[in-house]
Amino acid sequence: MKYLIIALVAIIFCLPAGGQGLSKKTISKNYYKIIEGSNESNKYRIELSSDIDTSGEKWNQRAYNFGFNPQLTPMYTMVDRILATPYMVQVHGNQNEKNKKRWGLHVFEGYAKDDKYRITMFVYKHIVLGEPVAQMYYYETVYNHSEPAYKWFRIGSDVKQHSFLFSRDKAMFYGSLTLSNAITLG
């Protein structure tokens, strides 16, 4: 029974959008694995995967191919459902992309509905004062580092004239700021 439930969950994630039936073109082999636990009986986990497809349609779009090597990187696995978890989501690099532009550094990219703007989160792209830096920003997909390419990133509230806003070289504070240590402005 447990095998059946796990298989059904895996198949649901492999179904095409809109609940259409499976076709020979849609699924040509298993893109999910049900893996038995290492030491305990009746414990399993699921892995989903995509093929490496150097001619995949998404590789023609810069938002998908920028920084990836299509010879080594599997095509995107599209999940046309809402993903929710009571635990957490983790992103790890891999042997092919580690310390490269994307998987070794990117944790998240979220695109606006027009695909023109994105929120990006990096880990360990830059070193400042001898320490690795994590960074987040709201960016226009012009792929340059000009000041107008960076948009306001709001933290705190979505109410106008509230919160803290950050851009490339600017910050705007609609609230109090408490500094507990002496600072030097340079």
Protein backbone atom coordinates (compact mmCIF):
# COMPACT_ATOMS: atom_id res chain seq x y z
CA MET A 1 0.00 0.00 0.00
CA LYS A 2 2.83 2.42 0.86
CA TYR A 3 4.46 1.73 -2.52
CA LEU A 4 1.18 2.55 -4.26
CA ILE A 5 0.73 5.85 -2.41
CA ILE A 6 4.33 6.93 -3.07
CA ALA A 7 4.02 5.99 -6.75
CA LEU A 8 0.75 7.94 -7.09
CA VAL A 9 2.30 11.07 -5.54
CA ALA A 10 5.27 10.81 -7.92
CA ILE A 11 2.99 10.32 -10.93
CA ILE A 12 0.86 13.36 -9.97
CA PHE A 13 3.97 15.55 -10.19
CA CYS A 14 4.76 14.06 -13.61
CA LEU A 15 1.27 14.69 -15.05
CA PRO A 16 0.97 17.43 -17.67
CA ALA A 17 -0.69 20.72 -16.66
CA GLY A 18 -4.47 20.74 -16.66
CA GLY A 19 -4.76 17.04 -15.78
CA GLN A 20 -4.60 15.74 -19.36
CA GLY A 21 -3.87 12.07 -19.77
CA LEU A 22 -0.36 10.79 -20.35
CA SER A 23 0.81 10.45 -23.93
CA LYS A 24 3.77 8.59 -25.39
CA LYS A 25 5.37 11.96 -26.14
CA THR A 26 4.80 13.22 -22.58
CA ILE A 27 6.49 10.35 -20.73
CA SER A 28 9.05 8.17 -22.44
CA LYS A 29 10.76 6.84 -19.30
CA ASN A 30 10.72 7.29 -15.54
CA TYR A 31 11.67 10.76 -14.40
CA TYR A 32 11.15 9.94 -10.77
CA LYS A 33 12.77 7.47 -8.42
CA ILE A 34 11.38 5.93 -5.27
CA ILE A 35 14.42 5.21 -3.12
CA GLU A 36 14.35 2.94 -0.10
CA GLY A 37 15.76 4.29 3.16
CA SER A 38 19.23 3.21 4.25
CA ASN A 39 18.71 1.56 7.66
CA GLU A 40 14.99 1.52 8.43
CA SER A 41 12.43 -0.61 6.68
CA ASN A 42 9.37 1.03 5.11
CA LYS A 43 11.09 4.44 4.73
CA TYR A 44 11.34 6.02 1.27
CA ARG A 45 12.16 9.24 -0.53
CA ILE A 46 11.37 10.51 -4.03
CA GLU A 47 13.68 12.12 -6.59
CA LEU A 48 12.48 13.96 -9.73
CA SER A 49 14.78 14.63 -12.67
CA SER A 50 15.01 15.91 -16.25
CA ASP A 51 17.21 14.95 -19.17
CA ILE A 52 20.14 16.93 -20.48
CA ASP A 53 18.76 18.37 -23.73
CA THR A 54 21.15 20.78 -25.45
CA SER A 55 18.44 21.81 -27.93
CA GLY A 56 15.71 22.38 -25.33
CA GLU A 57 13.45 25.33 -26.09
CA LYS A 58 14.24 27.14 -22.82
CA TRP A 59 17.96 27.36 -23.67
CA ASN A 60 17.04 29.98 -26.30
CA GLN A 61 15.86 32.33 -23.54
CA ARG A 62 18.59 34.24 -21.73
CA ALA A 63 16.77 34.06 -18.39
CA TYR A 64 17.23 30.27 -18.52
CA ASN A 65 20.60 29.85 -20.21
CA PHE A 66 22.60 32.69 -18.63
CA GLY A 67 25.48 31.00 -16.79
CA PHE A 68 24.44 27.40 -17.46
CA ASN A 69 26.25 24.88 -19.61
CA PRO A 70 23.52 23.03 -21.59
CA GLN A 71 26.00 20.18 -22.20
CA LEU A 72 26.05 19.43 -18.44
CA THR A 73 22.84 20.92 -17.03
CA PRO A 74 19.50 19.07 -17.19
CA MET A 75 16.53 20.95 -18.63
CA TYR A 76 14.18 22.65 -16.20
CA THR A 77 11.67 20.39 -14.47
CA MET A 78 8.37 22.24 -14.65
CA VAL A 79 5.94 21.68 -11.80
CA ASP A 80 2.67 23.35 -12.78
CA ARG A 81 1.29 23.19 -9.25
CA ILE A 82 1.78 25.06 -6.00
CA LEU A 83 4.62 23.57 -3.97
CA ALA A 84 4.24 23.62 -0.21
CA THR A 85 6.20 21.99 2.56
CA PRO A 86 6.00 22.01 6.35
CA TYR A 87 9.80 21.74 6.39
CA MET A 88 12.17 23.73 4.17
CA VAL A 89 13.62 24.01 0.69
CA GLN A 90 17.38 23.57 0.26
CA VAL A 91 19.59 24.38 -2.72
CA HIS A 92 22.99 22.74 -3.11
CA GLY A 93 25.63 23.00 -5.82
CA ASN A 94 26.70 19.96 -7.79
CA GLN A 95 29.94 18.67 -9.30
CA ASN A 96 29.24 20.22 -12.73
CA GLU A 97 28.05 23.67 -11.69
CA LYS A 98 29.82 24.26 -8.36
CA ASN A 99 31.46 27.69 -8.11
CA LYS A 100 30.06 28.66 -11.48
CA LYS A 101 27.54 31.45 -12.12
CA ARG A 102 24.34 29.64 -11.19
CA TRP A 103 23.96 26.52 -9.10
CA GLY A 104 27.08 27.04 -7.05
CA LEU A 105 25.83 30.51 -6.12
CA HIS A 106 22.12 31.01 -6.88
CA VAL A 107 19.61 30.09 -4.20
CA PHE A 108 16.51 31.69 -5.73
CA GLU A 109 15.30 33.60 -8.77
CA GLY A 110 11.71 34.80 -9.02
CA TYR A 111 10.48 36.51 -12.19
CA ALA A 112 7.62 39.04 -12.52
CA LYS A 113 4.74 38.12 -14.83
CA ASP A 114 6.31 40.07 -17.72
CA ASP A 115 9.70 38.27 -17.26
CA LYS A 116 11.39 41.70 -17.25
CA TYR A 117 12.14 41.95 -13.53
CA ARG A 118 13.46 39.37 -11.09
CA ILE A 119 14.38 38.90 -7.45
CA THR A 120 17.70 37.11 -7.08
CA MET A 121 19.33 35.58 -4.01
CA PHE A 122 22.99 34.52 -4.03
CA VAL A 123 25.28 32.84 -1.56
CA TYR A 124 29.06 33.32 -1.61
CA LYS A 125 29.38 35.24 -4.89
CA HIS A 126 31.56 37.97 -3.36
CA ILE A 127 34.04 38.31 -0.51
CA VAL A 128 34.00 41.48 1.64
CA LEU A 129 36.55 42.06 4.40
CA GLY A 130 37.65 38.45 4.02
CA GLU A 131 34.17 37.00 4.56
CA PRO A 132 31.67 35.48 2.08
CA VAL A 133 28.58 37.58 1.39
CA ALA A 134 24.95 36.54 0.86
CA GLN A 135 22.99 39.01 -1.25
CA MET A 136 19.45 39.74 -2.45
CA TYR A 137 18.29 42.26 -4.99
CA TYR A 138 15.48 43.25 -7.33
CA TYR A 139 16.85 43.59 -10.81
CA GLU A 140 15.76 44.39 -14.35
CA THR A 141 16.92 41.70 -16.77
CA VAL A 142 19.20 44.00 -18.78
CA TYR A 143 22.27 41.99 -17.68
CA ASN A 144 24.41 44.95 -16.78
CA HIS A 145 25.30 46.58 -13.50
CA SER A 146 24.09 50.10 -14.22
CA GLU A 147 22.30 51.91 -11.39
CA PRO A 148 18.90 52.04 -13.24
CA ALA A 149 18.91 48.23 -13.64
CA TYR A 150 18.42 47.80 -9.87
CA LYS A 151 14.93 48.38 -8.50
CA TRP A 152 13.76 48.94 -4.92
CA PHE A 153 13.78 45.92 -2.62
CA ARG A 154 11.29 46.49 0.22
CA ILE A 155 11.66 44.88 3.64
CA GLY A 156 9.10 45.24 6.40
CA SER A 157 5.64 45.99 4.99
CA ASP A 158 3.76 46.45 1.72
CA VAL A 159 2.06 49.65 2.99
CA LYS A 160 3.13 52.81 1.14
CA GLN A 161 5.46 55.15 3.06
CA HIS A 162 6.44 52.34 5.46
CA SER A 163 9.32 49.83 5.64
CA PHE A 164 12.89 49.98 4.44
CA LEU A 165 13.80 50.11 0.76
CA PHE A 166 17.16 49.18 -0.75
CA SER A 167 18.52 49.56 -4.27
CA ARG A 168 22.03 49.25 -5.73
CA ASP A 169 23.57 52.26 -3.96
CA LYS A 170 20.57 53.78 -2.18
CA ALA A 171 18.46 53.09 0.88
CA MET A 172 15.21 54.74 1.98
CA PHE A 173 13.92 54.28 5.52
CA TYR A 174 10.28 54.97 6.47
CA GLY A 175 10.74 54.29 10.14
CA SER A 176 13.16 54.49 12.99
CA LEU A 177 16.68 53.15 12.83
CA THR A 178 18.48 52.14 16.00
CA LEU A 179 22.25 51.68 15.92
CA SER A 180 23.68 49.99 18.98
CA ASN A 181 27.37 50.61 18.15
CA ALA A 182 29.29 53.67 17.08
CA ILE A 183 29.64 53.76 13.31
CA THR A 184 31.90 55.54 10.87
CA LEU A 185 30.33 57.04 7.78
CA GLY A 186 32.73 57.07 4.86
